[in-house]
Amino acid sequence: MKLNIGCGKKYNLNYCNIDLYEDLVADRLMSAFNLEFDDNTCDEIKAIHIIEHLSFFETIYALSEIFRVLEPNGKLILETPDLEKTCQHYLKANGEQKKEILGWFFGIPHKGLQHKICFPPSLLKELLSNAGFSNISTVFYYNNESIPSVRFKCNKLDEGYSLKIFQIITKIRKAMLVKNFVDFTDSFIIKEQEDLIAKFAVELLKLEKNDKKDKIFDLVTGISVRSPKFATFFLEAIENKDLLSGNEIKLILKTTELLNDLDFPSILLNSLKKGPLKPGTQKIIFSSIESYAKSIITKLYQFEEDRDKITEKLKDLSENIKEIEITFFSFNLIEQKSLDYYYKGIKAFYKKNFRTAHNKFLEAIRLYRDDLFYYWNLAKVLAKLELEDQAIKFYKLTLRFLRLKKIKYKDEIKLDIKEELNWVRSKQGPTPKFEPIISIEKYHKISI
């Protein structure tokens, strides 16, 4: 069988023509990144000017799906606008020509015809290689609409251990799609997921001639710390793949299901929030909780006699969680979560809702301890609330942060912090404004 993905209104004889929106000539309607075909069933796939209509991560999934359904050594022909040559044309074009070229970049404002991203050829070649394709060749040309384009030809691996690993990776992504575990509108979390998938693939590819069992246990443990639910997709994909025995997979699945039921990521986040509020300690605290989590999971794997005791302890911790704030325990996602509280605090500060601002800033610091403006704005709000002792404490923490980090305009910032701190201590001299501060931009203006 041969596929023509994203056929639009162009029917291709001897191919199964598929499209997501256009049903005029398509044989079947489906998404390019969620193909409704079994593994290893196609000997050739064409994807002509389709990936520019996908987002970056949708493209990764589309290449993964293409790899999955291709037979070993199956051929992929992929065409897309040549971003680099298009940019060169734009810079040399006159006004009217520039308008036309913008259409090459962004497509047409019609369902399914907008462009989301145009890839530099070198990046697309890297993505193809990361998806498991080999024998990658490129041809640069102009298509019928005179758009500078690039054609890639490549093949799926035909045999061996690497083929097995890449096929496992496609099964992971496919299971995530089927079970609605992928949100292409949330680039923060999907990047975290893809980073773990990439690490898993790289580590497994290194193990062709080595003992795999201990390494796989270690990899799955690390993934379970981030998201037990996410780890189940890895385990289900490697089932019957001679990497772990059926009993070992059942044991790990039993553990991940328990951790998922108890909202393990939220338990870990709650532990992080209870850590000391000291500037510069975020990585240390996060790493210690990560190590603690790995030790718990390892004990659940290895010591059946301790399982009930550990489970009861985790249940107690789970019951103390007021709300589920995250489903993925990640350093970057926690920082992003802290920013949500911080921006809400800034809004409340501007509206003079100082008690609300205080609570939001404090919650932001509990999640992320390494931002100067979290401490400084909280100190300002405490001064507004006339809670002098607490304000002094957080002004001191703000100054400590300045000592620990390299920050532009450090001297100017330090003077302003000390001016506010000294007034809170003495209540003498002009009263500072204690206004919200969200960046060092004002110091940049002063220096100009």
Foldseek 3Di string as FASTA:
>chain_A
DEAEEQCAPPDDPPHQYEDQPHDPRHNYHDDLLADPAAFQAHQEYEDEAQCQLDAPVSVLSNLLVVLGRHHAFRKYKYKHFAVVVLVVCCVPDDDVVVVVSVCSNFADPDVRGGGHGGDHVVVVVVSNVLLAWDPWDKDWDADPVRGTMIMIMTTHHRDDDLNLLSNLLSQLSNVCVVVVVDDPVDPVVVVVLVVLSSVVSVVSVVDRPHQQAVVVLVSLLLQLQFALVSSLSSLVSCPPVPNDDPVLSVLSNVLSVLCNVLLVLLLLQVQLLPDDQAAPCLVVSLVVSSVVSSVLSVCSSPPVPCVVVSSVVSNVSSVPRPDNDDNTNDLVVLLVSLVVLQVVLLVCQVVVVLVSSLVSLSSSSSSPRHDLQSLLLNLLSCVVVLVLVVSLVSLVSSVVSLVVDDDPPSVVVNVVSVVQNVCSVPVDDDHDPSHRDDDCVVVVVVVD
